[in-house]
């Protein structure tokens, strides 16, 4: 089968072709796994984190990709819920132990044995992949495979971020960065919390314009102060600077939710600019988002189907994976990027 392989950690800005095309064997599912013939795979900033070494080290070589849609080709003998032809998706959660306290309460994203799709196990930048049956999620009929792919991470992790933001109808929400995840959060808010005013901070003029098109009440630069103090802010950027600015923009008792795997070291000196009175006083708090749990994927797919939440997508071929990653790295973003494979 055709695949795109990562075999070394590198900086995508300096090496715009980190993935190598390869012909590899079609994987064989274990007893509890299913084999998926892949139709589409979203391109996520987490791939950049993996390629550039900001996550725990990936197994190398590895096939990246964790926003996967396709059809079950074959099921292992202990995979009894799915059958050949079923349409499913795979998110960043590839597996967890299922026995620890975190798994038992539905937070298997915090399991010490959490395995990430496309990092600890081969993912979706290929024609086929295997995954444990319990982490192959049925895709609602209302979505095409291309539309469904970004919902599996950008949407699901955005859904988890919104839950952790603990925002109530009538309050004010900030979104720092406006890519694949944030634009889906804005669509969720418009449907579920119609009286929440959304304020967007972004560097790219096109992203600001896009945010206003989708219903943001204000869109400014990450350096700007919001016209009002915000009850919660979700940060989806890879940088430290927006964290400092967000803390200043929070209302008393406000919460910043950081939806990022790691922050880049290039601007870490911004942390030294945190002033207790200006940024941390008034019982402000910071909450991080770690990975995604199965319930987030299931609940968000259900919400997306009910609310008809569809991502804006840019489509690339499997062979153009490096191009999509480089554009993501250089902030050429409008919505979500998806590889069309099958």
C-alpha atoms as a PDB file:
ATOM      1  CA  UNK A   1       0.000   0.000   0.000  1.00  0.00           C
ATOM      2  CA  UNK A   2       1.017   3.638  -0.427  1.00  0.00           C
ATOM      3  CA  UNK A   3       1.990   5.556   2.712  1.00  0.00           C
ATOM      4  CA  UNK A   4       3.828   8.675   3.860  1.00  0.00           C
ATOM      5  CA  UNK A   5       6.492   7.868   6.457  1.00  0.00           C
ATOM      6  CA  UNK A   6       8.191   9.969   9.116  1.00  0.00           C
ATOM      7  CA  UNK A   7      11.646   8.575   9.850  1.00  0.00           C
ATOM      8  CA  UNK A   8      13.356  11.458  11.647  1.00  0.00           C
ATOM      9  CA  UNK A   9      12.504  14.436  13.857  1.00  0.00           C
ATOM     10  CA  UNK A  10      13.024  17.752  12.047  1.00  0.00           C
ATOM     11  CA  UNK A  11      11.852  21.360  11.761  1.00  0.00           C
ATOM     12  CA  UNK A  12       9.226  21.664   9.033  1.00  0.00           C
ATOM     13  CA  UNK A  13      10.004  25.355   8.455  1.00  0.00           C
ATOM     14  CA  UNK A  14      13.552  24.354   7.466  1.00  0.00           C
ATOM     15  CA  UNK A  15      12.704  20.947   5.984  1.00  0.00           C
ATOM     16  CA  UNK A  16       9.426  21.310   4.074  1.00  0.00           C
ATOM     17  CA  UNK A  17       9.371  17.609   3.093  1.00  0.00           C
ATOM     18  CA  UNK A  18       9.655  15.682   6.385  1.00  0.00           C
ATOM     19  CA  UNK A  19       7.594  12.720   5.134  1.00  0.00           C
ATOM     20  CA  UNK A  20       8.811  10.181   2.596  1.00  0.00           C
ATOM     21  CA  UNK A  21       6.532   8.300   0.185  1.00  0.00           C
ATOM     22  CA  UNK A  22       6.795   4.535   0.626  1.00  0.00           C
ATOM     23  CA  UNK A  23       5.224   1.230  -0.389  1.00  0.00           C
ATOM     24  CA  UNK A  24       4.626  -0.861   2.742  1.00  0.00           C
ATOM     25  CA  UNK A  25       2.719  -4.032   3.558  1.00  0.00           C
ATOM     26  CA  UNK A  26      -0.982  -3.776   4.353  1.00  0.00           C
ATOM     27  CA  UNK A  27      -1.231  -4.322   8.134  1.00  0.00           C
ATOM     28  CA  UNK A  28      -2.959  -7.401   9.546  1.00  0.00           C
ATOM     29  CA  UNK A  29      -5.524  -6.802  12.330  1.00  0.00           C
ATOM     30  CA  UNK A  30      -5.097  -8.573  15.653  1.00  0.00           C
ATOM     31  CA  UNK A  31      -8.035 -10.427  17.214  1.00  0.00           C
ATOM     32  CA  UNK A  32      -9.474  -7.253  18.801  1.00  0.00           C
ATOM     33  CA  UNK A  33      -8.716  -4.915  15.879  1.00  0.00           C
ATOM     34  CA  UNK A  34     -10.274  -3.940  12.589  1.00  0.00           C
ATOM     35  CA  UNK A  35      -8.534  -3.219   9.302  1.00  0.00           C
ATOM     36  CA  UNK A  36      -9.724   0.046   7.718  1.00  0.00           C
ATOM     37  CA  UNK A  37      -9.487   0.970   4.051  1.00  0.00           C
ATOM     38  CA  UNK A  38      -8.852   4.707   4.399  1.00  0.00           C
ATOM     39  CA  UNK A  39     -10.814   7.305   2.450  1.00  0.00           C
ATOM     40  CA  UNK A  40      -9.558  10.535   4.031  1.00  0.00           C
ATOM     41  CA  UNK A  41      -7.273  11.808   6.778  1.00  0.00           C
ATOM     42  CA  UNK A  42      -7.197  15.266   8.292  1.00  0.00           C
ATOM     43  CA  UNK A  43      -3.928  17.172   8.710  1.00  0.00           C
ATOM     44  CA  UNK A  44      -3.496  18.442  12.270  1.00  0.00           C
ATOM     45  CA  UNK A  45      -1.087  20.754  14.091  1.00  0.00           C
ATOM     46  CA  UNK A  46      -0.370  17.798  16.373  1.00  0.00           C
ATOM     47  CA  UNK A  47       1.431  16.198  13.421  1.00  0.00           C
ATOM     48  CA  UNK A  48       3.759  19.202  13.424  1.00  0.00           C
ATOM     49  CA  UNK A  49       4.305  18.724  17.168  1.00  0.00           C
ATOM     50  CA  UNK A  50       5.191  15.070  16.560  1.00  0.00           C
ATOM     51  CA  UNK A  51       7.462  15.789  13.589  1.00  0.00           C
ATOM     52  CA  UNK A  52       9.241  18.635  15.376  1.00  0.00           C
ATOM     53  CA  UNK A  53       9.707  16.776  18.667  1.00  0.00           C
ATOM     54  CA  UNK A  54       7.266  18.546  20.989  1.00  0.00           C
ATOM     55  CA  UNK A  55       5.452  15.346  21.984  1.00  0.00           C
ATOM     56  CA  UNK A  56       6.836  12.194  23.569  1.00  0.00           C
ATOM     57  CA  UNK A  57       9.014  10.646  20.848  1.00  0.00           C
ATOM     58  CA  UNK A  58       7.098   8.816  18.119  1.00  0.00           C
ATOM     59  CA  UNK A  59       8.063   5.290  17.143  1.00  0.00           C
ATOM     60  CA  UNK A  60      10.176   5.673  14.017  1.00  0.00           C
ATOM     61  CA  UNK A  61       9.518   5.107  11.239  1.00  0.00           C
ATOM     62  CA  UNK A  62       5.833   5.870  11.715  1.00  0.00           C
ATOM     63  CA  UNK A  63       2.874   6.686   9.479  1.00  0.00           C
ATOM     64  CA  UNK A  64       1.336   9.911  10.902  1.00  0.00           C
ATOM     65  CA  UNK A  65      -2.323  10.913  10.832  1.00  0.00           C
ATOM     66  CA  UNK A  66      -5.096  10.693  13.391  1.00  0.00           C
ATOM     67  CA  UNK A  67      -8.248  12.116  11.774  1.00  0.00           C
ATOM     68  CA  UNK A  68      -9.057   9.053   9.725  1.00  0.00           C
ATOM     69  CA  UNK A  69     -12.222   8.003   7.908  1.00  0.00           C
ATOM     70  CA  UNK A  70     -12.862   4.879   5.876  1.00  0.00           C
ATOM     71  CA  UNK A  71     -14.588   1.512   5.781  1.00  0.00           C
ATOM     72  CA  UNK A  72     -13.906  -1.662   7.719  1.00  0.00           C
ATOM     73  CA  UNK A  73     -12.196  -4.120   5.403  1.00  0.00           C
ATOM     74  CA  UNK A  74     -11.719  -6.948   7.888  1.00  0.00           C
ATOM     75  CA  UNK A  75     -12.480  -7.565  11.572  1.00  0.00           C
ATOM     76  CA  UNK A  76     -10.494  -9.703  14.018  1.00  0.00           C
ATOM     77  CA  UNK A  77     -12.221 -12.694  15.571  1.00  0.00           C
ATOM     78  CA  UNK A  78     -12.823 -10.820  18.869  1.00  0.00           C
ATOM     79  CA  UNK A  79     -14.033  -7.659  17.124  1.00  0.00           C
ATOM     80  CA  UNK A  80     -17.759  -8.375  17.224  1.00  0.00           C
ATOM     81  CA  UNK A  81     -19.429  -4.959  16.918  1.00  0.00           C
ATOM     82  CA  UNK A  82     -18.171  -3.918  13.495  1.00  0.00           C
ATOM     83  CA  UNK A  83     -18.295  -5.743  10.188  1.00  0.00           C
ATOM     84  CA  UNK A  84     -16.836  -5.320   6.723  1.00  0.00           C
ATOM     85  CA  UNK A  85     -18.305  -2.277   4.998  1.00  0.00           C
ATOM     86  CA  UNK A  86     -19.070  -0.277   8.161  1.00  0.00           C
ATOM     87  CA  UNK A  87     -17.984   3.367   7.870  1.00  0.00           C
ATOM     88  CA  UNK A  88     -15.815   4.430  10.801  1.00  0.00           C
ATOM     89  CA  UNK A  89     -13.384   7.069  11.981  1.00  0.00           C
ATOM     90  CA  UNK A  90     -10.233   7.015  14.106  1.00  0.00           C
ATOM     91  CA  UNK A  91      -9.153   9.854  16.405  1.00  0.00           C
ATOM     92  CA  UNK A  92      -5.878  10.594  18.228  1.00  0.00           C
ATOM     93  CA  UNK A  93      -6.719   8.012  20.892  1.00  0.00           C
ATOM     94  CA  UNK A  94      -5.537   4.669  19.508  1.00  0.00           C
ATOM     95  CA  UNK A  95      -5.824   2.690  22.753  1.00  0.00           C
ATOM     96  CA  UNK A  96      -5.745   2.820  26.560  1.00  0.00           C
ATOM     97  CA  UNK A  97      -5.487   0.161  29.246  1.00  0.00           C
ATOM     98  CA  UNK A  98      -9.200   0.142  30.124  1.00  0.00           C
ATOM     99  CA  UNK A  99      -8.460  -0.795  33.752  1.00  0.00           C
ATOM    100  CA  UNK A 100      -6.941   2.212  35.526  1.00  0.00           C
ATOM    101  CA  UNK A 101      -8.939   4.779  37.515  1.00  0.00           C
ATOM    102  CA  UNK A 102      -8.833   7.272  34.631  1.00  0.00           C
ATOM    103  CA  UNK A 103     -10.158   4.751  32.110  1.00  0.00           C
ATOM    104  CA  UNK A 104     -12.889   3.586  34.469  1.00  0.00           C
ATOM    105  CA  UNK A 105     -14.256   7.127  34.849  1.00  0.00           C
ATOM    106  CA  UNK A 106     -14.154   7.845  31.118  1.00  0.00           C
ATOM    107  CA  UNK A 107     -10.964   9.902  31.052  1.00  0.00           C
ATOM    108  CA  UNK A 108      -8.862   7.335  29.228  1.00  0.00           C
ATOM    109  CA  UNK A 109      -7.063  10.247  27.573  1.00  0.00           C
ATOM    110  CA  UNK A 110      -5.220  10.519  30.936  1.00  0.00           C
ATOM    111  CA  UNK A 111      -4.392   6.784  31.101  1.00  0.00           C
ATOM    112  CA  UNK A 112      -0.677   6.151  31.741  1.00  0.00           C
ATOM    113  CA  UNK A 113      -0.778   3.615  28.875  1.00  0.00           C
ATOM    114  CA  UNK A 114      -2.482   6.006  26.410  1.00  0.00           C
ATOM    115  CA  UNK A 115      -1.315   5.354  22.845  1.00  0.00           C
ATOM    116  CA  UNK A 116      -1.674   8.011  20.152  1.00  0.00           C
ATOM    117  CA  UNK A 117      -2.670   7.229  16.582  1.00  0.00           C
ATOM    118  CA  UNK A 118       0.065   8.255  14.173  1.00  0.00           C
ATOM    119  CA  UNK A 119       2.661   8.558  16.937  1.00  0.00           C
ATOM    120  CA  UNK A 120       2.721   5.344  18.971  1.00  0.00           C
ATOM    121  CA  UNK A 121       0.964   3.344  16.248  1.00  0.00           C
ATOM    122  CA  UNK A 122       0.716   3.836  12.485  1.00  0.00           C
ATOM    123  CA  UNK A 123      -1.997   6.242  11.429  1.00  0.00           C
ATOM    124  CA  UNK A 124      -3.920   7.502   8.451  1.00  0.00           C
ATOM    125  CA  UNK A 125      -1.438   8.933   5.950  1.00  0.00           C
ATOM    126  CA  UNK A 126      -1.800   5.635   4.093  1.00  0.00           C
ATOM    127  CA  UNK A 127      -4.286   3.459   2.225  1.00  0.00           C
ATOM    128  CA  UNK A 128      -4.951   1.104   5.166  1.00  0.00           C
ATOM    129  CA  UNK A 129      -4.539   1.011   8.941  1.00  0.00           C
ATOM    130  CA  UNK A 130      -5.557  -1.137  11.908  1.00  0.00           C
ATOM    131  CA  UNK A 131      -7.049   0.058  15.207  1.00  0.00           C
ATOM    132  CA  UNK A 132      -8.689  -1.573  18.246  1.00  0.00           C
ATOM    133  CA  UNK A 133     -12.388  -1.970  17.512  1.00  0.00           C
ATOM    134  CA  UNK A 134     -13.364   0.076  20.591  1.00  0.00           C
ATOM    135  CA  UNK A 135     -11.601   3.124  19.117  1.00  0.00           C
ATOM    136  CA  UNK A 136     -13.158   2.888  15.648  1.00  0.00           C
ATOM    137  CA  UNK A 137     -16.096   5.298  15.838  1.00  0.00           C
ATOM    138  CA  UNK A 138     -19.182   5.029  13.596  1.00  0.00           C
ATOM    139  CA  UNK A 139     -19.541   8.060  11.314  1.00  0.00           C
ATOM    140  CA  UNK A 140     -23.000   9.690  10.979  1.00  0.00           C
ATOM    141  CA  UNK A 141     -24.497   9.201   7.524  1.00  0.00           C
ATOM    142  CA  UNK A 142     -24.991  12.956   7.091  1.00  0.00           C
ATOM    143  CA  UNK A 143     -21.242  13.580   6.673  1.00  0.00           C
ATOM    144  CA  UNK A 144     -18.996  12.693   3.771  1.00  0.00           C
ATOM    145  CA  UNK A 145     -15.669  11.093   4.623  1.00  0.00           C
ATOM    146  CA  UNK A 146     -13.893  14.366   3.799  1.00  0.00           C
ATOM    147  CA  UNK A 147     -16.216  16.356   6.078  1.00  0.00           C
ATOM    148  CA  UNK A 148     -15.996  13.822   8.905  1.00  0.00           C
ATOM    149  CA  UNK A 149     -12.188  13.646   9.077  1.00  0.00           C
ATOM    150  CA  UNK A 150     -11.583  17.002  10.885  1.00  0.00           C
ATOM    151  CA  UNK A 151     -14.438  16.270  13.280  1.00  0.00           C
ATOM    152  CA  UNK A 152     -12.424  13.406  14.780  1.00  0.00           C
ATOM    153  CA  UNK A 153      -9.727  15.613  16.299  1.00  0.00           C
ATOM    154  CA  UNK A 154     -10.226  19.306  15.583  1.00  0.00           C
ATOM    155  CA  UNK A 155     -13.892  18.878  16.446  1.00  0.00           C
ATOM    156  CA  UNK A 156     -13.570  16.409  19.320  1.00  0.00           C
ATOM    157  CA  UNK A 157     -10.706  18.238  21.038  1.00  0.00           C
ATOM    158  CA  UNK A 158     -12.551  21.519  20.501  1.00  0.00           C
ATOM    159  CA  UNK A 159     -15.598  19.942  22.140  1.00  0.00           C
ATOM    160  CA  UNK A 160     -13.498  18.846  25.128  1.00  0.00           C
ATOM    161  CA  UNK A 161     -11.957  22.326  25.340  1.00  0.00           C
ATOM    162  CA  UNK A 162     -15.389  23.943  25.348  1.00  0.00           C
ATOM    163  CA  UNK A 163     -16.553  21.611  28.122  1.00  0.00           C
ATOM    164  CA  UNK A 164     -13.473  22.465  30.193  1.00  0.00           C
ATOM    165  CA  UNK A 165     -13.993  26.194  29.547  1.00  0.00           C
ATOM    166  CA  UNK A 166     -17.217  25.854  31.578  1.00  0.00           C
ATOM    167  CA  UNK A 167     -18.834  28.716  29.680  1.00  0.00           C
ATOM    168  CA  UNK A 168     -22.499  29.557  30.305  1.00  0.00           C
ATOM    169  CA  UNK A 169     -25.014  31.089  27.921  1.00  0.00           C
ATOM    170  CA  UNK A 170     -24.804  34.884  28.091  1.00  0.00           C
ATOM    171  CA  UNK A 171     -21.104  34.949  28.989  1.00  0.00           C
ATOM    172  CA  UNK A 172     -18.155  35.996  26.807  1.00  0.00           C
ATOM    173  CA  UNK A 173     -15.744  33.502  25.206  1.00  0.00           C
ATOM    174  CA  UNK A 174     -12.381  34.214  23.598  1.00  0.00           C
ATOM    175  CA  UNK A 175     -10.663  32.059  20.968  1.00  0.00           C
ATOM    176  CA  UNK A 176      -6.946  32.608  20.494  1.00  0.00           C
ATOM    177  CA  UNK A 177      -5.890  31.253  17.129  1.00  0.00           C
ATOM    178  CA  UNK A 178      -8.494  30.421  14.485  1.00  0.00           C
ATOM    179  CA  UNK A 179      -7.659  27.219  12.652  1.00  0.00           C
ATOM    180  CA  UNK A 180      -9.331  23.837  12.303  1.00  0.00           C
ATOM    181  CA  UNK A 181     -10.356  23.406  15.944  1.00  0.00           C
ATOM    182  CA  UNK A 182     -11.341  26.981  16.801  1.00  0.00           C
ATOM    183  CA  UNK A 183     -13.623  27.449  13.805  1.00  0.00           C
ATOM    184  CA  UNK A 184     -15.542  24.317  14.846  1.00  0.00           C
ATOM    185  CA  UNK A 185     -15.759  25.588  18.437  1.00  0.00           C
ATOM    186  CA  UNK A 186     -17.340  28.781  17.128  1.00  0.00           C
ATOM    187  CA  UNK A 187     -19.898  26.730  15.189  1.00  0.00           C
ATOM    188  CA  UNK A 188     -20.655  24.683  18.335  1.00  0.00           C
ATOM    189  CA  UNK A 189     -21.153  27.821  20.394  1.00  0.00           C
ATOM    190  CA  UNK A 190     -23.480  29.379  17.843  1.00  0.00           C
ATOM    191  CA  UNK A 191     -25.718  26.295  18.041  1.00  0.00           C
ATOM    192  CA  UNK A 192     -25.505  25.315  21.726  1.00  0.00           C
ATOM    193  CA  UNK A 193     -24.933  28.699  23.401  1.00  0.00           C
ATOM    194  CA  UNK A 194     -26.470  31.294  21.087  1.00  0.00           C
ATOM    195  CA  UNK A 195     -26.191  34.157  23.625  1.00  0.00           C
ATOM    196  CA  UNK A 196     -22.425  33.739  24.116  1.00  0.00           C
ATOM    197  CA  UNK A 197     -20.425  36.518  22.458  1.00  0.00           C
ATOM    198  CA  UNK A 198     -17.259  35.141  20.850  1.00  0.00           C
ATOM    199  CA  UNK A 199     -14.091  37.246  20.532  1.00  0.00           C
ATOM    200  CA  UNK A 200     -11.322  35.945  18.245  1.00  0.00           C
ATOM    201  CA  UNK A 201      -7.602  36.723  18.387  1.00  0.00           C
ATOM    202  CA  UNK A 202      -5.584  35.811  15.284  1.00  0.00           C
ATOM    203  CA  UNK A 203      -2.523  36.991  13.368  1.00  0.00           C
ATOM    204  CA  UNK A 204      -3.777  36.277   9.871  1.00  0.00           C
ATOM    205  CA  UNK A 205      -6.208  38.855   8.367  1.00  0.00           C
ATOM    206  CA  UNK A 206      -7.969  36.059   6.498  1.00  0.00           C
ATOM    207  CA  UNK A 207      -8.606  34.185   9.741  1.00  0.00           C
ATOM    208  CA  UNK A 208     -10.087  37.306  11.339  1.00  0.00           C
ATOM    209  CA  UNK A 209     -12.387  37.815   8.368  1.00  0.00           C
ATOM    210  CA  UNK A 210     -13.383  34.128   8.489  1.00  0.00           C
ATOM    211  CA  UNK A 211     -14.191  34.393  12.219  1.00  0.00           C
ATOM    212  CA  UNK A 212     -16.494  37.341  11.628  1.00  0.00           C
ATOM    213  CA  UNK A 213     -18.203  35.466   8.775  1.00  0.00           C
ATOM    214  CA  UNK A 214     -18.950  32.627  11.198  1.00  0.00           C
ATOM    215  CA  UNK A 215     -20.461  34.898  13.840  1.00  0.00           C
ATOM    216  CA  UNK A 216     -17.689  36.268  16.050  1.00  0.00           C
ATOM    217  CA  UNK A 217     -18.638  39.669  17.488  1.00  0.00           C
ATOM    218  CA  UNK A 218     -15.027  40.904  17.328  1.00  0.00           C
ATOM    219  CA  UNK A 219     -11.766  39.769  15.741  1.00  0.00           C
ATOM    220  CA  UNK A 220      -8.417  41.341  16.530  1.00  0.00           C
ATOM    221  CA  UNK A 221      -4.719  40.637  16.634  1.00  0.00           C
ATOM    222  CA  UNK A 222      -3.190  38.502  19.379  1.00  0.00           C
ATOM    223  CA  UNK A 223      -1.475  41.674  20.643  1.00  0.00           C
ATOM    224  CA  UNK A 224      -4.749  43.550  21.104  1.00  0.00           C
ATOM    225  CA  UNK A 225      -6.839  43.925  24.223  1.00  0.00           C
ATOM    226  CA  UNK A 226     -10.409  42.675  23.878  1.00  0.00           C
ATOM    227  CA  UNK A 227     -13.040  45.434  24.089  1.00  0.00           C
ATOM    228  CA  UNK A 228     -14.523  43.580  27.085  1.00  0.00           C
ATOM    229  CA  UNK A 229     -13.076  41.217  29.696  1.00  0.00           C
ATOM    230  CA  UNK A 230     -13.827  37.571  28.871  1.00  0.00           C
ATOM    231  CA  UNK A 231     -15.191  34.808  31.095  1.00  0.00           C
ATOM    232  CA  UNK A 232     -13.235  32.033  29.362  1.00  0.00           C
ATOM    233  CA  UNK A 233     -10.615  31.856  26.621  1.00  0.00           C
ATOM    234  CA  UNK A 234      -9.557  28.799  24.612  1.00  0.00           C
ATOM    235  CA  UNK A 235      -6.002  29.028  23.265  1.00  0.00           C
ATOM    236  CA  UNK A 236      -5.162  26.821  20.258  1.00  0.00           C
ATOM    237  CA  UNK A 237      -1.795  28.348  19.374  1.00  0.00           C
ATOM    238  CA  UNK A 238       1.690  26.782  19.647  1.00  0.00           C
ATOM    239  CA  UNK A 239       3.167  29.910  21.286  1.00  0.00           C
ATOM    240  CA  UNK A 240       3.540  31.349  24.801  1.00  0.00           C
ATOM    241  CA  UNK A 241       2.782  34.951  23.938  1.00  0.00           C
ATOM    242  CA  UNK A 242      -0.990  34.403  23.524  1.00  0.00           C
ATOM    243  CA  UNK A 243      -1.109  32.818  27.002  1.00  0.00           C
ATOM    244  CA  UNK A 244       0.189  36.018  28.600  1.00  0.00           C
ATOM    245  CA  UNK A 245      -2.183  38.172  26.553  1.00  0.00           C
ATOM    246  CA  UNK A 246      -5.131  35.876  27.315  1.00  0.00           C
ATOM    247  CA  UNK A 247      -4.591  36.070  31.070  1.00  0.00           C
ATOM    248  CA  UNK A 248      -4.748  39.853  30.832  1.00  0.00           C
ATOM    249  CA  UNK A 249      -8.015  39.657  28.874  1.00  0.00           C
ATOM    250  CA  UNK A 250      -9.771  37.393  31.388  1.00  0.00           C
ATOM    251  CA  UNK A 251     -12.462  38.722  33.708  1.00  0.00           C
ATOM    252  CA  UNK A 252     -12.155  38.043  37.469  1.00  0.00           C
ATOM    253  CA  UNK A 253     -12.629  34.323  38.083  1.00  0.00           C
ATOM    254  CA  UNK A 254     -12.026  33.635  34.389  1.00  0.00           C
ATOM    255  CA  UNK A 255     -10.484  30.455  32.984  1.00  0.00           C
ATOM    256  CA  UNK A 256      -7.915  29.984  30.234  1.00  0.00           C
ATOM    257  CA  UNK A 257      -8.047  26.572  28.541  1.00  0.00           C
ATOM    258  CA  UNK A 258      -4.873  25.717  26.631  1.00  0.00           C
ATOM    259  CA  UNK A 259      -5.648  23.338  23.770  1.00  0.00           C
ATOM    260  CA  UNK A 260      -2.123  22.556  22.617  1.00  0.00           C
ATOM    261  CA  UNK A 261       0.233  19.594  22.928  1.00  0.00           C
ATOM    262  CA  UNK A 262       3.302  21.709  23.606  1.00  0.00           C
ATOM    263  CA  UNK A 263       4.368  25.324  23.377  1.00  0.00           C
ATOM    264  CA  UNK A 264       7.291  26.304  21.200  1.00  0.00           C
ATOM    265  CA  UNK A 265      10.441  27.430  22.981  1.00  0.00           C
ATOM    266  CA  UNK A 266      11.152  30.327  20.625  1.00  0.00           C
ATOM    267  CA  UNK A 267       9.097  32.830  22.623  1.00  0.00           C
ATOM    268  CA  UNK A 268       9.314  31.235  26.088  1.00  0.00           C
ATOM    269  CA  UNK A 269      10.693  34.515  27.483  1.00  0.00           C
ATOM    270  CA  UNK A 270       7.120  35.823  27.346  1.00  0.00           C
ATOM    271  CA  UNK A 271       6.473  33.761  30.465  1.00  0.00           C
ATOM    272  CA  UNK A 272       8.804  36.094  32.327  1.00  0.00           C
ATOM    273  CA  UNK A 273       6.366  38.888  31.503  1.00  0.00           C
ATOM    274  CA  UNK A 274       3.619  37.387  33.648  1.00  0.00           C
ATOM    275  CA  UNK A 275       2.734  39.979  36.246  1.00  0.00           C
ATOM    276  CA  UNK A 276       0.806  38.651  39.227  1.00  0.00           C
ATOM    277  CA  UNK A 277      -1.436  41.696  39.636  1.00  0.00           C
ATOM    278  CA  UNK A 278      -2.173  42.107  35.935  1.00  0.00           C
ATOM    279  CA  UNK A 279      -2.395  38.479  34.802  1.00  0.00           C
ATOM    280  CA  UNK A 280      -3.094  36.173  37.766  1.00  0.00           C
ATOM    281  CA  UNK A 281      -4.899  38.194  40.415  1.00  0.00           C
ATOM    282  CA  UNK A 282      -8.702  37.953  40.808  1.00  0.00           C
ATOM    283  CA  UNK A 283      -8.729  34.140  41.009  1.00  0.00           C
ATOM    284  CA  UNK A 284      -8.001  33.537  37.340  1.00  0.00           C
ATOM    285  CA  UNK A 285      -7.077  29.970  36.411  1.00  0.00           C
ATOM    286  CA  UNK A 286      -5.375  27.942  33.695  1.00  0.00           C
ATOM    287  CA  UNK A 287      -6.581  24.514  32.538  1.00  0.00           C
ATOM    288  CA  UNK A 288      -4.797  22.316  30.021  1.00  0.00           C
ATOM    289  CA  UNK A 289      -6.382  19.878  27.562  1.00  0.00           C
ATOM    290  CA  UNK A 290      -4.640  16.504  27.240  1.00  0.00           C
ATOM    291  CA  UNK A 291      -5.423  14.317  24.243  1.00  0.00           C
ATOM    292  CA  UNK A 292      -9.051  13.270  23.708  1.00  0.00           C
ATOM    293  CA  UNK A 293     -11.256  10.599  25.280  1.00  0.00           C
ATOM    294  CA  UNK A 294     -13.627   8.255  23.499  1.00  0.00           C
ATOM    295  CA  UNK A 295     -16.685  10.004  24.947  1.00  0.00           C
ATOM    296  CA  UNK A 296     -15.535  13.318  23.438  1.00  0.00           C
ATOM    297  CA  UNK A 297     -15.464  11.779  19.966  1.00  0.00           C
ATOM    298  CA  UNK A 298     -18.816  10.005  20.337  1.00  0.00           C
ATOM    299  CA  UNK A 299     -20.600  12.991  21.892  1.00  0.00           C
ATOM    300  CA  UNK A 300     -19.194  15.488  19.413  1.00  0.00           C
ATOM    301  CA  UNK A 301     -20.080  13.371  16.367  1.00  0.00           C
ATOM    302  CA  UNK A 302     -23.641  13.185  17.710  1.00  0.00           C
ATOM    303  CA  UNK A 303     -23.726  16.958  18.306  1.00  0.00           C
ATOM    304  CA  UNK A 304     -22.231  17.692  14.892  1.00  0.00           C
ATOM    305  CA  UNK A 305     -24.894  15.560  13.206  1.00  0.00           C
ATOM    306  CA  UNK A 306     -27.737  17.180  15.182  1.00  0.00           C
ATOM    307  CA  UNK A 307     -26.450  20.712  14.661  1.00  0.00           C
ATOM    308  CA  UNK A 308     -25.198  20.133  11.109  1.00  0.00           C
ATOM    309  CA  UNK A 309     -21.717  21.353  12.082  1.00  0.00           C
ATOM    310  CA  UNK A 310     -19.513  20.965   9.029  1.00  0.00           C
ATOM    311  CA  UNK A 311     -15.895  22.040   8.738  1.00  0.00           C
ATOM    312  CA  UNK A 312     -14.520  24.266   6.040  1.00  0.00           C
ATOM    313  CA  UNK A 313     -11.952  22.081   4.262  1.00  0.00           C
ATOM    314  CA  UNK A 314      -9.042  22.307   1.854  1.00  0.00           C
ATOM    315  CA  UNK A 315      -8.392  19.027   0.037  1.00  0.00           C
ATOM    316  CA  UNK A 316      -4.999  17.530  -0.855  1.00  0.00           C
ATOM    317  CA  UNK A 317      -3.849  14.189  -2.241  1.00  0.00           C
ATOM    318  CA  UNK A 318      -1.867  11.750  -0.089  1.00  0.00           C
ATOM    319  CA  UNK A 319       1.239  12.692  -2.044  1.00  0.00           C
ATOM    320  CA  UNK A 320       0.671  16.350  -1.102  1.00  0.00           C
ATOM    321  CA  UNK A 321       0.869  15.663   2.648  1.00  0.00           C
ATOM    322  CA  UNK A 322       4.134  17.602   2.952  1.00  0.00           C
ATOM    323  CA  UNK A 323       2.599  20.594   1.173  1.00  0.00           C
ATOM    324  CA  UNK A 324      -0.369  20.583   3.562  1.00  0.00           C
ATOM    325  CA  UNK A 325       1.922  20.346   6.608  1.00  0.00           C
ATOM    326  CA  UNK A 326       4.152  23.166   5.374  1.00  0.00           C
ATOM    327  CA  UNK A 327       1.158  25.437   4.760  1.00  0.00           C
ATOM    328  CA  UNK A 328      -0.091  24.623   8.256  1.00  0.00           C
ATOM    329  CA  UNK A 329       3.368  25.417   9.659  1.00  0.00           C
ATOM    330  CA  UNK A 330       3.438  28.771   7.857  1.00  0.00           C
ATOM    331  CA  UNK A 331      -0.140  29.713   8.900  1.00  0.00           C
ATOM    332  CA  UNK A 332      -1.740  29.340   5.465  1.00  0.00           C
ATOM    333  CA  UNK A 333      -4.977  28.158   7.039  1.00  0.00           C
ATOM    334  CA  UNK A 334      -8.675  28.514   6.380  1.00  0.00           C
ATOM    335  CA  UNK A 335     -10.602  25.814   8.197  1.00  0.00           C
ATOM    336  CA  UNK A 336      -9.157  22.293   8.063  1.00  0.00           C
ATOM    337  CA  UNK A 337      -6.809  20.502   5.692  1.00  0.00           C
ATOM    338  CA  UNK A 338      -7.740  16.974   4.565  1.00  0.00           C
ATOM    339  CA  UNK A 339      -5.932  14.341   2.503  1.00  0.00           C
ATOM    340  CA  UNK A 340      -8.211  12.523   0.049  1.00  0.00           C
ATOM    341  CA  UNK A 341      -6.894   8.965  -0.124  1.00  0.00           C
ATOM    342  CA  UNK A 342      -9.541   6.456  -1.215  1.00  0.00           C
END
